[in-house]
């Protein structure tokens, strides 16, 4: 059975999982292009950026079974 997918604006509580997905995305692409490699301290900086600018980013998430 396929889970119901809900698309909604991102909430502050979503941001750690958004950062984890972003990190996974970059890691996938880094195998093809080293430019995509994530700096060791990038995740906290990206999280801080999202927290500071969430209202103006227009960030949406897709959620299924309590996971983004």
N, C-alpha and C. Protein backbone atom coordinates (compact mmCIF):
# COMPACT_ATOMS: atom_id res chain seq x y z
N UNK A 1 0.83 -1.18 0.00
CA UNK A 1 0.00 0.00 0.00
C UNK A 1 0.88 1.24 0.00
N UNK A 2 0.57 2.19 -0.87
CA UNK A 2 1.32 3.44 -0.95
C UNK A 2 0.88 4.39 0.15
N UNK A 3 1.85 5.01 0.83
CA UNK A 3 1.48 5.97 1.87
C UNK A 3 0.92 7.24 1.25
N UNK A 4 0.08 7.93 1.99
CA UNK A 4 -0.44 9.21 1.56
C UNK A 4 0.68 10.23 1.67
N UNK A 5 0.89 10.99 0.62
CA UNK A 5 1.92 12.03 0.60
C UNK A 5 1.25 13.38 0.75
N UNK A 6 1.76 14.16 1.69
CA UNK A 6 1.26 15.50 1.94
C UNK A 6 2.37 16.49 1.63
N UNK A 7 2.07 17.49 0.83
CA UNK A 7 3.01 18.57 0.55
C UNK A 7 2.53 19.78 1.32
N UNK A 8 3.46 20.37 2.09
CA UNK A 8 3.08 21.47 2.97
C UNK A 8 4.28 22.38 3.19
N UNK A 9 4.06 23.59 3.66
CA UNK A 9 5.19 24.46 3.99
C UNK A 9 6.03 23.82 5.11
N UNK A 10 7.32 23.99 5.02
CA UNK A 10 8.21 23.45 6.05
C UNK A 10 8.00 24.20 7.36
N UNK A 11 8.08 23.46 8.44
CA UNK A 11 7.97 24.02 9.78
C UNK A 11 9.34 23.95 10.45
N UNK A 12 9.56 24.76 11.47
CA UNK A 12 10.86 24.71 12.16
C UNK A 12 11.25 23.31 12.62
N UNK A 13 10.30 22.51 13.04
CA UNK A 13 10.60 21.15 13.49
C UNK A 13 11.10 20.25 12.36
N UNK A 14 10.83 20.61 11.11
CA UNK A 14 11.26 19.83 9.95
C UNK A 14 12.73 20.05 9.59
N UNK A 15 13.30 21.14 10.06
CA UNK A 15 14.59 21.57 9.53
C UNK A 15 15.74 20.58 9.76
N UNK A 16 15.84 19.92 10.91
CA UNK A 16 16.93 18.94 11.01
C UNK A 16 16.83 17.83 9.96
N UNK A 17 15.63 17.39 9.65
CA UNK A 17 15.48 16.35 8.62
C UNK A 17 15.74 16.92 7.23
N UNK A 18 15.37 18.19 7.00
CA UNK A 18 15.68 18.84 5.72
C UNK A 18 17.20 18.90 5.54
N UNK A 19 17.92 19.26 6.58
CA UNK A 19 19.38 19.31 6.50
C UNK A 19 19.96 17.91 6.23
N UNK A 20 19.42 16.89 6.89
CA UNK A 20 19.89 15.52 6.65
C UNK A 20 19.65 15.11 5.20
N UNK A 21 18.51 15.46 4.64
CA UNK A 21 18.22 15.14 3.24
C UNK A 21 19.15 15.91 2.30
N UNK A 22 19.42 17.17 2.62
CA UNK A 22 20.35 17.98 1.83
C UNK A 22 21.74 17.35 1.85
N UNK A 23 22.16 16.92 3.03
CA UNK A 23 23.47 16.28 3.17
C UNK A 23 23.53 15.00 2.34
N UNK A 24 22.48 14.20 2.39
CA UNK A 24 22.41 12.96 1.60
C UNK A 24 22.45 13.27 0.10
N UNK A 25 21.76 14.31 -0.30
CA UNK A 25 21.75 14.74 -1.70
C UNK A 25 23.16 15.10 -2.16
N UNK A 26 23.86 15.92 -1.37
CA UNK A 26 25.22 16.31 -1.75
C UNK A 26 26.16 15.11 -1.78
N UNK A 27 26.03 14.21 -0.82
CA UNK A 27 26.89 13.04 -0.79
C UNK A 27 26.69 12.18 -2.04
N UNK A 28 25.47 12.05 -2.48
CA UNK A 28 25.18 11.28 -3.70
C UNK A 28 25.88 11.90 -4.90
N UNK A 29 25.80 13.22 -5.02
CA UNK A 29 26.39 13.90 -6.18
C UNK A 29 27.90 14.03 -6.07
N UNK A 30 28.45 13.99 -4.88
CA UNK A 30 29.90 14.13 -4.70
C UNK A 30 30.65 12.98 -5.36
N UNK A 31 30.02 11.83 -5.49
CA UNK A 31 30.71 10.71 -6.15
C UNK A 31 30.97 11.01 -7.62
N UNK A 32 30.19 11.89 -8.21
CA UNK A 32 30.35 12.26 -9.62
C UNK A 32 31.11 13.56 -9.80
N UNK A 33 30.99 14.46 -8.82
CA UNK A 33 31.60 15.78 -8.93
C UNK A 33 32.10 16.22 -7.56
N UNK A 34 33.41 16.25 -7.35
CA UNK A 34 33.95 16.61 -6.04
C UNK A 34 33.51 18.00 -5.56
N UNK A 35 33.07 18.85 -6.48
CA UNK A 35 32.59 20.18 -6.09
C UNK A 35 31.42 20.06 -5.13
N UNK A 36 30.68 18.99 -5.21
CA UNK A 36 29.49 18.80 -4.37
C UNK A 36 29.83 18.30 -2.98
N UNK A 37 31.09 18.01 -2.70
CA UNK A 37 31.45 17.52 -1.37
C UNK A 37 31.08 18.54 -0.31
N UNK A 38 30.52 18.05 0.76
CA UNK A 38 30.07 18.89 1.86
C UNK A 38 31.22 19.17 2.82
N UNK A 39 31.39 20.41 3.21
CA UNK A 39 32.38 20.75 4.22
C UNK A 39 31.95 20.14 5.55
N UNK A 40 32.92 19.83 6.40
CA UNK A 40 32.62 19.19 7.68
C UNK A 40 31.66 20.00 8.54
N UNK A 41 31.72 21.31 8.45
CA UNK A 41 30.89 22.16 9.31
C UNK A 41 29.70 22.77 8.56
N UNK A 42 29.37 22.24 7.40
CA UNK A 42 28.31 22.83 6.58
C UNK A 42 26.91 22.60 7.15
N UNK A 43 26.66 21.45 7.74
CA UNK A 43 25.31 21.15 8.22
C UNK A 43 24.81 22.14 9.27
N UNK A 44 25.60 22.46 10.30
CA UNK A 44 25.10 23.44 11.28
C UNK A 44 24.88 24.82 10.66
N UNK A 45 25.74 25.20 9.73
CA UNK A 45 25.58 26.49 9.07
C UNK A 45 24.32 26.54 8.22
N UNK A 46 24.06 25.46 7.51
CA UNK A 46 22.85 25.40 6.68
C UNK A 46 21.61 25.40 7.55
N UNK A 47 21.65 24.65 8.65
CA UNK A 47 20.52 24.64 9.58
C UNK A 47 20.25 26.04 10.13
N UNK A 48 21.30 26.74 10.52
CA UNK A 48 21.15 28.10 11.03
C UNK A 48 20.53 29.01 9.96
N UNK A 49 21.00 28.89 8.73
CA UNK A 49 20.45 29.69 7.62
C UNK A 49 18.96 29.42 7.46
N UNK A 50 18.58 28.15 7.46
CA UNK A 50 17.16 27.80 7.32
C UNK A 50 16.34 28.36 8.48
N UNK A 51 16.86 28.25 9.69
CA UNK A 51 16.14 28.76 10.86
C UNK A 51 15.94 30.27 10.78
N UNK A 52 16.96 30.98 10.33
CA UNK A 52 16.90 32.44 10.27
C UNK A 52 16.01 32.95 9.14
N UNK A 53 15.89 32.18 8.06
CA UNK A 53 15.21 32.68 6.86
C UNK A 53 14.02 31.84 6.41
N UNK A 54 13.53 30.96 7.27
CA UNK A 54 12.46 30.05 6.87
C UNK A 54 11.24 30.78 6.33
N UNK A 55 10.86 31.87 6.95
CA UNK A 55 9.64 32.58 6.55
C UNK A 55 9.72 33.09 5.12
N UNK A 56 10.90 33.49 4.67
CA UNK A 56 11.00 34.06 3.33
C UNK A 56 11.50 33.08 2.27
N UNK A 57 11.85 31.87 2.66
CA UNK A 57 12.40 30.91 1.70
C UNK A 57 11.35 30.25 0.82
N UNK A 58 10.14 30.12 1.29
CA UNK A 58 9.13 29.41 0.51
C UNK A 58 9.47 27.93 0.40
N UNK A 59 9.98 27.36 1.48
CA UNK A 59 10.39 25.95 1.48
C UNK A 59 9.20 25.05 1.78
N UNK A 60 8.99 24.08 0.91
CA UNK A 60 7.93 23.10 1.10
C UNK A 60 8.56 21.73 1.29
N UNK A 61 7.86 20.86 1.98
CA UNK A 61 8.31 19.48 2.18
C UNK A 61 7.20 18.53 1.75
N UNK A 62 7.62 17.34 1.36
CA UNK A 62 6.67 16.26 1.09
C UNK A 62 6.81 15.28 2.24
N UNK A 63 5.70 14.91 2.84
CA UNK A 63 5.71 14.03 4.01
C UNK A 63 4.87 12.80 3.74
N UNK A 64 5.43 11.64 4.06
CA UNK A 64 4.72 10.37 3.95
C UNK A 64 5.09 9.53 5.16
N UNK A 65 4.09 9.01 5.85
CA UNK A 65 4.35 8.16 7.03
C UNK A 65 5.28 8.84 8.02
N UNK A 66 5.04 10.09 8.31
CA UNK A 66 5.81 10.86 9.30
C UNK A 66 7.26 11.11 8.90
N UNK A 67 7.63 10.86 7.66
CA UNK A 67 8.99 11.12 7.17
C UNK A 67 8.96 12.07 6.00
N UNK A 68 9.96 12.95 5.95
CA UNK A 68 10.06 13.86 4.81
C UNK A 68 10.72 13.14 3.67
